[in-house]
Amino acid sequence: SCTVYGNPSTLPVTEEAPFMPAESPYGRTKQI
């Protein structure tokens, strides 16, 4: 999911964008 990127600092998001803190437990599970 795109939720792995959290609130990205740059748009549009590329695959090289760092994972930011997840905005929800759902997003965190995708990161894990």
ModelCIF file with pLDDT and N, C-alpha, C, O atoms, coordinates in Angstrom:
data_MODEL
#
_entry.id   MODEL 
#
_entity.id                         1 
_entity.type                       polymer 
_entity.pdbx_number_of_molecules   1 
#
_entity_poly.entity_id                      1 
_entity_poly.type                           'polypeptide(L)' 
_entity_poly.nstd_linkage                   no 
_entity_poly.nstd_monomer                   no 
_entity_poly.pdbx_seq_one_letter_code       SCTVYGNPSTLPVTEEAPFMPAESPYGRTKQI 
_entity_poly.pdbx_seq_one_letter_code_can   SCTVYGNPSTLPVTEEAPFMPAESPYGRTKQI 
_entity_poly.pdbx_strand_id                 A 
#
loop_
_entity_poly_seq.entity_id 
_entity_poly_seq.num 
_entity_poly_seq.mon_id 
_entity_poly_seq.hetero 
1 1  SER n 
1 2  CYS n 
1 3  THR n 
1 4  VAL n 
1 5  TYR n 
1 6  GLY n 
1 7  ASN n 
1 8  PRO n 
1 9  SER n 
1 10 THR n 
1 11 LEU n 
1 12 PRO n 
1 13 VAL n 
1 14 THR n 
1 15 GLU n 
1 16 GLU n 
1 17 ALA n 
1 18 PRO n 
1 19 PHE n 
1 20 MET n 
1 21 PRO n 
1 22 ALA n 
1 23 GLU n 
1 24 SER n 
1 25 PRO n 
1 26 TYR n 
1 27 GLY n 
1 28 ARG n 
1 29 THR n 
1 30 LYS n 
1 31 GLN n 
1 32 ILE n 
#
_struct_asym.id          A 
_struct_asym.entity_id   1 
#
loop_
_ma_qa_metric.id 
_ma_qa_metric.mode 
_ma_qa_metric.name 
_ma_qa_metric.software_group_id 
_ma_qa_metric.type 
1 global pLDDT . pLDDT 
2 local  pLDDT . pLDDT 
#
_ma_qa_metric_global.metric_id      1 
_ma_qa_metric_global.metric_value   92.16 
_ma_qa_metric_global.model_id       1 
_ma_qa_metric_global.ordinal_id     1 
#
loop_
_ma_qa_metric_local.label_asym_id 
_ma_qa_metric_local.label_comp_id 
_ma_qa_metric_local.label_seq_id 
_ma_qa_metric_local.metric_id 
_ma_qa_metric_local.metric_value 
_ma_qa_metric_local.model_id 
_ma_qa_metric_local.ordinal_id 
A SER 1  2 94.00 1 1  
A CYS 2  2 90.00 1 2  
A THR 3  2 90.00 1 3  
A VAL 4  2 94.00 1 4  
A TYR 5  2 92.00 1 5  
A GLY 6  2 88.00 1 6  
A ASN 7  2 84.00 1 7  
A PRO 8  2 85.00 1 8  
A SER 9  2 83.00 1 9  
A THR 10 2 86.00 1 10 
A LEU 11 2 86.00 1 11 
A PRO 12 2 91.00 1 12 
A VAL 13 2 90.00 1 13 
A THR 14 2 94.00 1 14 
A GLU 15 2 95.00 1 15 
A GLU 16 2 94.00 1 16 
A ALA 17 2 93.00 1 17 
A PRO 18 2 93.00 1 18 
A PHE 19 2 95.00 1 19 
A MET 20 2 93.00 1 20 
A PRO 21 2 93.00 1 21 
A ALA 22 2 92.00 1 22 
A GLU 23 2 88.00 1 23 
A SER 24 2 92.00 1 24 
A PRO 25 2 96.00 1 25 
A TYR 26 2 95.00 1 26 
A GLY 27 2 95.00 1 27 
A ARG 28 2 97.00 1 28 
A THR 29 2 98.00 1 29 
A LYS 30 2 97.00 1 30 
A GLN 31 2 98.00 1 31 
A ILE 32 2 98.00 1 32 
#
loop_
_atom_site.group_PDB 
_atom_site.id 
_atom_site.type_symbol 
_atom_site.label_atom_id 
_atom_site.label_alt_id 
_atom_site.label_comp_id 
_atom_site.label_asym_id 
_atom_site.label_entity_id 
_atom_site.label_seq_id 
_atom_site.pdbx_PDB_ins_code 
_atom_site.Cartn_x 
_atom_site.Cartn_y 
_atom_site.Cartn_z 
_atom_site.occupancy 
_atom_site.B_iso_or_equiv 
_atom_site.pdbx_formal_charge 
_atom_site.auth_seq_id 
_atom_site.auth_comp_id 
_atom_site.auth_asym_id 
_atom_site.auth_atom_id 
_atom_site.pdbx_PDB_model_num 
ATOM 1   N N  . SER A 1 1  ? 0.835  -1.201 0.000  1.00 94.00 ? 1  SER A N  1 
ATOM 2   C CA . SER A 1 1  ? 0.000  0.000  0.000  1.00 94.00 ? 1  SER A CA 1 
ATOM 3   C C  . SER A 1 1  ? 0.865  1.243  0.000  1.00 94.00 ? 1  SER A C  1 
ATOM 4   O O  . SER A 1 1  ? 2.004  1.228  0.465  1.00 94.00 ? 1  SER A O  1 
ATOM 5   N N  . CYS A 1 2  ? 0.308  2.317  -0.527 1.00 90.00 ? 2  CYS A N  1 
ATOM 6   C CA . CYS A 1 2  ? 0.995  3.605  -0.459 1.00 90.00 ? 2  CYS A CA 1 
ATOM 7   C C  . CYS A 1 2  ? 1.101  4.104  0.979  1.00 90.00 ? 2  CYS A C  1 
ATOM 8   O O  . CYS A 1 2  ? 1.865  5.029  1.255  1.00 90.00 ? 2  CYS A O  1 
ATOM 9   N N  . THR A 1 3  ? 0.343  3.500  1.902  1.00 90.00 ? 3  THR A N  1 
ATOM 10  C CA . THR A 1 3  ? 0.411  3.939  3.297  1.00 90.00 ? 3  THR A CA 1 
ATOM 11  C C  . THR A 1 3  ? 1.779  3.682  3.910  1.00 90.00 ? 3  THR A C  1 
ATOM 12  O O  . THR A 1 3  ? 2.094  4.240  4.961  1.00 90.00 ? 3  THR A O  1 
ATOM 13  N N  . VAL A 1 4  ? 2.607  2.842  3.269  1.00 94.00 ? 4  VAL A N  1 
ATOM 14  C CA . VAL A 1 4  ? 3.951  2.612  3.804  1.00 94.00 ? 4  VAL A CA 1 
ATOM 15  C C  . VAL A 1 4  ? 4.773  3.894  3.787  1.00 94.00 ? 4  VAL A C  1 
ATOM 16  O O  . VAL A 1 4  ? 5.741  4.014  4.537  1.00 94.00 ? 4  VAL A O  1 
ATOM 17  N N  . TYR A 1 5  ? 4.400  4.855  2.940  1.00 92.00 ? 5  TYR A N  1 
ATOM 18  C CA . TYR A 1 5  ? 5.155  6.099  2.829  1.00 92.00 ? 5  TYR A CA 1 
ATOM 19  C C  . TYR A 1 5  ? 4.751  7.128  3.882  1.00 92.00 ? 5  TYR A C  1 
ATOM 20  O O  . TYR A 1 5  ? 5.404  8.164  4.005  1.00 92.00 ? 5  TYR A O  1 
ATOM 21  N N  . GLY A 1 6  ? 3.677  6.863  4.652  1.00 88.00 ? 6  GLY A N  1 
ATOM 22  C CA . GLY A 1 6  ? 3.212  7.834  5.624  1.00 88.00 ? 6  GLY A CA 1 
ATOM 23  C C  . GLY A 1 6  ? 2.792  9.114  4.936  1.00 88.00 ? 6  GLY A C  1 
ATOM 24  O O  . GLY A 1 6  ? 2.169  9.074  3.875  1.00 88.00 ? 6  GLY A O  1 
ATOM 25  N N  . ASN A 1 7  ? 3.124  10.248 5.527  1.00 84.00 ? 7  ASN A N  1 
ATOM 26  C CA . ASN A 1 7  ? 2.897  11.554 4.894  1.00 84.00 ? 7  ASN A CA 1 
ATOM 27  C C  . ASN A 1 7  ? 4.176  11.931 4.153  1.00 84.00 ? 7  ASN A C  1 
ATOM 28  O O  . ASN A 1 7  ? 5.093  12.483 4.761  1.00 84.00 ? 7  ASN A O  1 
ATOM 29  N N  . PRO A 1 8  ? 4.257  11.645 2.849  1.00 85.00 ? 8  PRO A N  1 
ATOM 30  C CA . PRO A 1 8  ? 5.517  11.854 2.128  1.00 85.00 ? 8  PRO A CA 1 
ATOM 31  C C  . PRO A 1 8  ? 5.868  13.333 2.007  1.00 85.00 ? 8  PRO A C  1 
ATOM 32  O O  . PRO A 1 8  ? 4.993  14.196 1.942  1.00 85.00 ? 8  PRO A O  1 
ATOM 33  N N  . SER A 1 9  ? 7.174  13.602 1.980  1.00 83.00 ? 9  SER A N  1 
ATOM 34  C CA . SER A 1 9  ? 7.635  14.987 1.896  1.00 83.00 ? 9  SER A CA 1 
ATOM 35  C C  . SER A 1 9  ? 7.678  15.497 0.469  1.00 83.00 ? 9  SER A C  1 
ATOM 36  O O  . SER A 1 9  ? 7.682  16.708 0.246  1.00 83.00 ? 9  SER A O  1 
ATOM 37  N N  . THR A 1 10 ? 7.712  14.586 -0.510 1.00 86.00 ? 10 THR A N  1 
ATOM 38  C CA . THR A 1 10 ? 7.798  14.977 -1.921 1.00 86.00 ? 10 THR A CA 1 
ATOM 39  C C  . THR A 1 10 ? 6.764  14.210 -2.733 1.00 86.00 ? 10 THR A C  1 
ATOM 40  O O  . THR A 1 10 ? 6.585  13.005 -2.551 1.00 86.00 ? 10 THR A O  1 
ATOM 41  N N  . LEU A 1 11 ? 6.081  14.921 -3.634 1.00 86.00 ? 11 LEU A N  1 
ATOM 42  C CA . LEU A 1 11 ? 5.086  14.310 -4.518 1.00 86.00 ? 11 LEU A CA 1 
ATOM 43  C C  . LEU A 1 11 ? 5.434  14.610 -5.965 1.00 86.00 ? 11 LEU A C  1 
ATOM 44  O O  . LEU A 1 11 ? 5.974  15.676 -6.258 1.00 86.00 ? 11 LEU A O  1 
ATOM 45  N N  . PRO A 1 12 ? 5.128  13.668 -6.897 1.00 91.00 ? 12 PRO A N  1 
ATOM 46  C CA . PRO A 1 12 ? 4.581  12.339 -6.653 1.00 91.00 ? 12 PRO A CA 1 
ATOM 47  C C  . PRO A 1 12 ? 5.607  11.407 -6.016 1.00 91.00 ? 12 PRO A C  1 
ATOM 48  O O  . PRO A 1 12 ? 6.812  11.643 -6.105 1.00 91.00 ? 12 PRO A O  1 
ATOM 49  N N  . VAL A 1 13 ? 5.124  10.356 -5.379 1.00 90.00 ? 13 VAL A N  1 
ATOM 50  C CA . VAL A 1 13 ? 5.980  9.451  -4.610 1.00 90.00 ? 13 VAL A CA 1 
ATOM 51  C C  . VAL A 1 13 ? 6.664  8.454  -5.540 1.00 90.00 ? 13 VAL A C  1 
ATOM 52  O O  . VAL A 1 13 ? 6.010  7.828  -6.375 1.00 90.00 ? 13 VAL A O  1 
ATOM 53  N N  . THR A 1 14 ? 7.970  8.307  -5.398 1.00 94.00 ? 14 THR A N  1 
ATOM 54  C CA . THR A 1 14 ? 8.711  7.265  -6.104 1.00 94.00 ? 14 THR A CA 1 
ATOM 55  C C  . THR A 1 14 ? 9.020  6.120  -5.149 1.00 94.00 ? 14 THR A C  1 
ATOM 56  O O  . THR A 1 14 ? 8.845  6.251  -3.937 1.00 94.00 ? 14 THR A O  1 
ATOM 57  N N  . GLU A 1 15 ? 9.477  5.007  -5.689 1.00 95.00 ? 15 GLU A N  1 
ATOM 58  C CA . GLU A 1 15 ? 9.807  3.845  -4.866 1.00 95.00 ? 15 GLU A CA 1 
ATOM 59  C C  . GLU A 1 15 ? 11.005 4.095  -3.952 1.00 95.00 ? 15 GLU A C  1 
ATOM 60  O O  . GLU A 1 15 ? 11.211 3.370  -2.978 1.00 95.00 ? 15 GLU A O  1 
ATOM 61  N N  . GLU A 1 16 ? 11.787 5.116  -4.268 1.00 94.00 ? 16 GLU A N  1 
ATOM 62  C CA . GLU A 1 16 ? 12.944 5.437  -3.437 1.00 94.00 ? 16 GLU A CA 1 
ATOM 63  C C  . GLU A 1 16 ? 12.586 6.302  -2.236 1.00 94.00 ? 16 GLU A C  1 
ATOM 64  O O  . GLU A 1 16 ? 13.438 6.555  -1.385 1.00 94.00 ? 16 GLU A O  1 
ATOM 65  N N  . ALA A 1 17 ? 11.350 6.756  -2.155 1.00 93.00 ? 17 ALA A N  1 
ATOM 66  C CA . ALA A 1 17 ? 10.934 7.602  -1.030 1.00 93.00 ? 17 ALA A CA 1 
ATOM 67  C C  . ALA A 1 17 ? 11.062 6.818  0.277  1.00 93.00 ? 17 ALA A C  1 
ATOM 68  O O  . ALA A 1 17 ? 10.684 5.648  0.332  1.00 93.00 ? 17 ALA A O  1 
ATOM 69  N N  . PRO A 1 18 ? 11.586 7.441  1.316  1.00 93.00 ? 18 PRO A N  1 
ATOM 70  C CA . PRO A 1 18 ? 11.727 6.728  2.595  1.00 93.00 ? 18 PRO A CA 1 
ATOM 71  C C  . PRO A 1 18 ? 10.374 6.477  3.245  1.00 93.00 ? 18 PRO A C  1 
ATOM 72  O O  . PRO A 1 18 ? 9.428  7.239  3.047  1.00 93.00 ? 18 PRO A O  1 
ATOM 73  N N  . PHE A 1 19 ? 10.294 5.415  4.012  1.00 95.00 ? 19 PHE A N  1 
ATOM 74  C CA . PHE A 1 19 ? 9.093  5.158  4.797  1.00 95.00 ? 19 PHE A CA 1 
ATOM 75  C C  . PHE A 1 19 ? 9.057  6.167  5.947  1.00 95.00 ? 19 PHE A C  1 
ATOM 76  O O  . PHE A 1 19 ? 9.962  6.206  6.780  1.00 95.00 ? 19 PHE A O  1 
ATOM 77  N N  . MET A 1 20 ? 8.014  6.970  5.979  1.00 93.00 ? 20 MET A N  1 
ATOM 78  C CA . MET A 1 20 ? 7.795  7.893  7.080  1.00 93.00 ? 20 MET A CA 1 
ATOM 79  C C  . MET A 1 20 ? 6.941  7.191  8.139  1.00 93.00 ? 20 MET A C  1 
ATOM 80  O O  . MET A 1 20 ? 6.369  6.136  7.865  1.00 93.00 ? 20 MET A O  1 
ATOM 81  N N  . PRO A 1 21 ? 6.848  7.763  9.344  1.00 93.00 ? 21 PRO A N  1 
ATOM 82  C CA . PRO A 1 21 ? 5.993  7.126  10.353 1.00 93.00 ? 21 PRO A CA 1 
ATOM 83  C C  . PRO A 1 21 ? 4.592  6.869  9.814  1.00 93.00 ? 21 PRO A C  1 
ATOM 84  O O  . PRO A 1 21 ? 3.969  7.756  9.229  1.00 93.00 ? 21 PRO A O  1 
ATOM 85  N N  . ALA A 1 22 ? 4.108  5.663  10.013 1.00 92.00 ? 22 ALA A N  1 
ATOM 86  C CA . ALA A 1 22 ? 2.781  5.304  9.505  1.00 92.00 ? 22 ALA A CA 1 
ATOM 87  C C  . ALA A 1 22 ? 1.704  6.124  10.197 1.00 92.00 ? 22 ALA A C  1 
ATOM 88  O O  . ALA A 1 22 ? 1.805  6.427  11.386 1.00 92.00 ? 22 ALA A O  1 
ATOM 89  N N  . GLU A 1 23 ? 0.671  6.481  9.436  1.00 88.00 ? 23 GLU A N  1 
ATOM 90  C CA . GLU A 1 23 ? -0.420 7.275  9.977  1.00 88.00 ? 23 GLU A CA 1 
ATOM 91  C C  . GLU A 1 23 ? -1.497 6.423  10.632 1.00 88.00 ? 23 GLU A C  1 
ATOM 92  O O  . GLU A 1 23 ? -2.442 6.961  11.211 1.00 88.00 ? 23 GLU A O  1 
ATOM 93  N N  . SER A 1 24 ? -1.369 5.106  10.549 1.00 92.00 ? 24 SER A N  1 
ATOM 94  C CA . SER A 1 24 ? -2.378 4.215  11.130 1.00 92.00 ? 24 SER A CA 1 
ATOM 95  C C  . SER A 1 24 ? -1.742 2.858  11.407 1.00 92.00 ? 24 SER A C  1 
ATOM 96  O O  . SER A 1 24 ? -0.722 2.523  10.805 1.00 92.00 ? 24 SER A O  1 
ATOM 97  N N  . PRO A 1 25 ? -2.328 2.072  12.310 1.00 96.00 ? 25 PRO A N  1 
ATOM 98  C CA . PRO A 1 25 ? -1.846 0.700  12.506 1.00 96.00 ? 25 PRO A CA 1 
ATOM 99  C C  . PRO A 1 25 ? -1.906 -0.123 11.223 1.00 96.00 ? 25 PRO A C  1 
ATOM 100 O O  . PRO A 1 25 ? -1.037 -0.963 10.990 1.00 96.00 ? 25 PRO A O  1 
ATOM 101 N N  . TYR A 1 26 ? -2.917 0.106  10.388 1.00 95.00 ? 26 TYR A N  1 
ATOM 102 C CA . TYR A 1 26 ? -2.980 -0.586 9.093  1.00 95.00 ? 26 TYR A CA 1 
ATOM 103 C C  . TYR A 1 26 ? -1.704 -0.335 8.294  1.00 95.00 ? 26 TYR A C  1 
ATOM 104 O O  . TYR A 1 26 ? -1.066 -1.272 7.814  1.00 95.00 ? 26 TYR A O  1 
ATOM 105 N N  . GLY A 1 27 ? -1.340 0.939  8.157  1.00 95.00 ? 27 GLY A N  1 
ATOM 106 C CA . GLY A 1 27 ? -0.132 1.277  7.410  1.00 95.00 ? 27 GLY A CA 1 
ATOM 107 C C  . GLY A 1 27 ? 1.113  0.683  8.033  1.00 95.00 ? 27 GLY A C  1 
ATOM 108 O O  . GLY A 1 27 ? 2.031  0.269  7.324  1.00 95.00 ? 27 GLY A O  1 
ATOM 109 N N  . ARG A 1 28 ? 1.151  0.638  9.366  1.00 97.00 ? 28 ARG A N  1 
ATOM 110 C CA . ARG A 1 28 ? 2.308  0.053  10.042 1.00 97.00 ? 28 ARG A CA 1 
ATOM 111 C C  . ARG A 1 28 ? 2.425  -1.433 9.748  1.00 97.00 ? 28 ARG A C  1 
ATOM 112 O O  . ARG A 1 28 ? 3.534  -1.944 9.587  1.00 97.00 ? 28 ARG A O  1 
ATOM 113 N N  . THR A 1 29 ? 1.295  -2.137 9.676  1.00 98.00 ? 29 THR A N  1 
ATOM 114 C CA . THR A 1 29 ? 1.378  -3.570 9.350  1.00 98.00 ? 29 THR A CA 1 
ATOM 115 C C  . THR A 1 29 ? 1.940  -3.779 7.955  1.00 98.00 ? 29 THR A C  1 
ATOM 116 O O  . THR A 1 29 ? 2.667  -4.745 7.724  1.00 98.00 ? 29 THR A O  1 
ATOM 117 N N  . LYS A 1 30 ? 1.618  -2.897 7.021  1.00 97.00 ? 30 LYS A N  1 
ATOM 118 C CA . LYS A 1 30 ? 2.174  -3.018 5.670  1.00 97.00 ? 30 LYS A CA 1 
ATOM 119 C C  . LYS A 1 30 ? 3.685  -2.800 5.689  1.00 97.00 ? 30 LYS A C  1 
ATOM 120 O O  . LYS A 1 30 ? 4.428  -3.501 5.002  1.00 97.00 ? 30 LYS A O  1 
ATOM 121 N N  . GLN A 1 31 ? 4.135  -1.826 6.477  1.00 98.00 ? 31 GLN A N  1 
ATOM 122 C CA . GLN A 1 31 ? 5.577  -1.601 6.594  1.00 98.00 ? 31 GLN A CA 1 
ATOM 123 C C  . GLN A 1 31 ? 6.281  -2.822 7.181  1.00 98.00 ? 31 GLN A C  1 
ATOM 124 O O  . GLN A 1 31 ? 7.331  -3.238 6.692  1.00 98.00 ? 31 GLN A O  1 
ATOM 125 N N  . ILE A 1 32 ? 5.691  -3.391 8.236  1.00 98.00 ? 32 ILE A N  1 
ATOM 126 C CA . ILE A 1 32 ? 6.306  -4.562 8.871  1.00 98.00 ? 32 ILE A CA 1 
ATOM 127 C C  . ILE A 1 32 ? 6.312  -5.757 7.917  1.00 98.00 ? 32 ILE A C  1 
ATOM 128 O O  . ILE A 1 32 ? 6.791  -6.833 8.278  1.00 98.00 ? 32 ILE A O  1 
#
